[in-house]
Amino acid sequence: MGEKIYKVMKGAGATSITMGVVVLVVGIVSGVLLIVSGAKLIAGKSKIIF
């Protein structure tokens, strides 16, 4: 009985760590893309005519 609990806890822990890493990477990539697109908008600000 005890071994089954530890196996389930091990699987849940591994899944949590994996999901945490994936969410962290997606967040960093999204942030970098937003900064790059914002920099492009600022750089082309003089070309925009309203």
N, C-alpha and C. Protein backbone atom coordinates (compact mmCIF):
# COMPACT_ATOMS: atom_id res chain seq x y z
N MET A 1 0.83 -1.20 0.00
CA MET A 1 0.00 0.00 0.00
C MET A 1 0.86 1.25 0.00
N GLY A 2 1.88 1.26 0.84
CA GLY A 2 2.75 2.43 0.93
C GLY A 2 3.52 2.69 -0.35
N GLU A 3 3.93 1.62 -1.04
CA GLU A 3 4.69 1.79 -2.27
C GLU A 3 3.84 2.42 -3.37
N LYS A 4 2.57 2.06 -3.42
CA LYS A 4 1.67 2.64 -4.43
C LYS A 4 1.53 4.15 -4.20
N ILE A 5 1.43 4.55 -2.96
CA ILE A 5 1.29 5.98 -2.64
C ILE A 5 2.54 6.74 -3.09
N TYR A 6 3.71 6.17 -2.81
CA TYR A 6 4.94 6.85 -3.20
C TYR A 6 5.08 6.93 -4.72
N LYS A 7 4.62 5.91 -5.44
CA LYS A 7 4.68 5.94 -6.90
C LYS A 7 3.76 7.04 -7.45
N VAL A 8 2.56 7.15 -6.86
CA VAL A 8 1.62 8.18 -7.30
C VAL A 8 2.19 9.57 -6.99
N MET A 9 2.77 9.73 -5.81
CA MET A 9 3.35 11.02 -5.43
C MET A 9 4.53 11.38 -6.33
N LYS A 10 5.31 10.38 -6.70
CA LYS A 10 6.45 10.60 -7.60
C LYS A 10 5.96 11.08 -8.97
N GLY A 11 4.93 10.44 -9.48
CA GLY A 11 4.37 10.84 -10.77
C GLY A 11 3.78 12.24 -10.73
N ALA A 12 3.08 12.55 -9.66
CA ALA A 12 2.49 13.88 -9.53
C ALA A 12 3.57 14.95 -9.41
N GLY A 13 4.62 14.64 -8.67
CA GLY A 13 5.72 15.60 -8.53
C GLY A 13 6.43 15.84 -9.85
N ALA A 14 6.68 14.77 -10.59
CA ALA A 14 7.35 14.90 -11.89
C ALA A 14 6.50 15.70 -12.87
N THR A 15 5.19 15.45 -12.84
CA THR A 15 4.28 16.20 -13.71
C THR A 15 4.26 17.68 -13.35
N SER A 16 4.25 17.97 -12.07
CA SER A 16 4.23 19.36 -11.62
C SER A 16 5.51 20.10 -12.03
N ILE A 17 6.64 19.45 -11.86
CA ILE A 17 7.90 20.08 -12.26
C ILE A 17 7.94 20.29 -13.77
N THR A 18 7.50 19.31 -14.54
CA THR A 18 7.48 19.44 -16.00
C THR A 18 6.58 20.58 -16.44
N MET A 19 5.38 20.65 -15.88
CA MET A 19 4.46 21.72 -16.24
C MET A 19 5.01 23.09 -15.82
N GLY A 20 5.67 23.15 -14.69
CA GLY A 20 6.27 24.41 -14.25
C GLY A 20 7.33 24.90 -15.22
N VAL A 21 8.17 23.99 -15.68
CA VAL A 21 9.22 24.36 -16.64
C VAL A 21 8.61 24.82 -17.95
N VAL A 22 7.58 24.10 -18.41
CA VAL A 22 6.93 24.48 -19.67
C VAL A 22 6.29 25.86 -19.57
N VAL A 23 5.60 26.12 -18.47
CA VAL A 23 4.95 27.42 -18.28
C VAL A 23 6.00 28.53 -18.19
N LEU A 24 7.11 28.26 -17.52
CA LEU A 24 8.19 29.24 -17.40
C LEU A 24 8.77 29.58 -18.77
N VAL A 25 9.04 28.57 -19.59
CA VAL A 25 9.61 28.80 -20.92
C VAL A 25 8.63 29.56 -21.81
N VAL A 26 7.36 29.18 -21.76
CA VAL A 26 6.36 29.88 -22.58
C VAL A 26 6.24 31.34 -22.14
N GLY A 27 6.30 31.59 -20.85
CA GLY A 27 6.24 32.96 -20.35
C GLY A 27 7.42 33.80 -20.80
N ILE A 28 8.60 33.23 -20.73
CA ILE A 28 9.80 33.97 -21.16
C ILE A 28 9.75 34.26 -22.65
N VAL A 29 9.38 33.26 -23.45
CA VAL A 29 9.31 33.46 -24.90
C VAL A 29 8.26 34.51 -25.24
N SER A 30 7.11 34.47 -24.58
CA SER A 30 6.06 35.46 -24.84
C SER A 30 6.54 36.86 -24.49
N GLY A 31 7.22 36.99 -23.36
CA GLY A 31 7.74 38.29 -22.96
C GLY A 31 8.74 38.85 -23.95
N VAL A 32 9.63 38.00 -24.43
CA VAL A 32 10.64 38.45 -25.40
C VAL A 32 9.96 38.89 -26.69
N LEU A 33 8.98 38.11 -27.15
CA LEU A 33 8.28 38.49 -28.38
C LEU A 33 7.53 39.81 -28.22
N LEU A 34 6.91 40.03 -27.07
CA LEU A 34 6.22 41.30 -26.84
C LEU A 34 7.19 42.47 -26.81
N ILE A 35 8.34 42.29 -26.20
CA ILE A 35 9.34 43.36 -26.16
C ILE A 35 9.85 43.67 -27.56
N VAL A 36 10.10 42.63 -28.35
CA VAL A 36 10.59 42.85 -29.72
C VAL A 36 9.55 43.56 -30.57
N SER A 37 8.29 43.13 -30.47
CA SER A 37 7.26 43.80 -31.27
C SER A 37 7.04 45.23 -30.81
N GLY A 38 7.13 45.50 -29.53
CA GLY A 38 7.02 46.86 -29.03
C GLY A 38 8.17 47.73 -29.50
N ALA A 39 9.37 47.16 -29.54
CA ALA A 39 10.52 47.92 -30.03
C ALA A 39 10.36 48.25 -31.51
N LYS A 40 9.80 47.33 -32.28
CA LYS A 40 9.57 47.60 -33.70
C LYS A 40 8.54 48.72 -33.88
N LEU A 41 7.51 48.73 -33.03
CA LEU A 41 6.51 49.80 -33.10
C LEU A 41 7.12 51.15 -32.76
N ILE A 42 7.96 51.18 -31.73
CA ILE A 42 8.61 52.44 -31.35
C ILE A 42 9.56 52.90 -32.44
N ALA A 43 10.29 51.95 -33.04
CA ALA A 43 11.24 52.31 -34.08
C ALA A 43 10.52 52.87 -35.33
N GLY A 44 9.33 52.36 -35.63
CA GLY A 44 8.59 52.83 -36.81
C GLY A 44 7.59 53.90 -36.49
N LYS A 45 7.67 54.51 -35.33
CA LYS A 45 6.69 55.52 -34.90
C LYS A 45 6.65 56.72 -35.85
N SER A 46 7.81 57.09 -36.39
CA SER A 46 7.86 58.27 -37.27
C SER A 46 7.19 58.01 -38.62
N LYS A 47 7.01 56.76 -39.00
CA LYS A 47 6.41 56.43 -40.30
C LYS A 47 4.89 56.36 -40.23
N ILE A 48 4.33 56.39 -39.02
CA ILE A 48 2.88 56.29 -38.85
C ILE A 48 2.25 57.68 -38.98
N ILE A 49 1.28 57.79 -39.89
CA ILE A 49 0.58 59.07 -40.09
C ILE A 49 -0.89 58.85 -39.77
N PHE A 50 -1.44 59.73 -38.93
CA PHE A 50 -2.85 59.64 -38.58
C PHE A 50 -3.63 60.68 -39.33
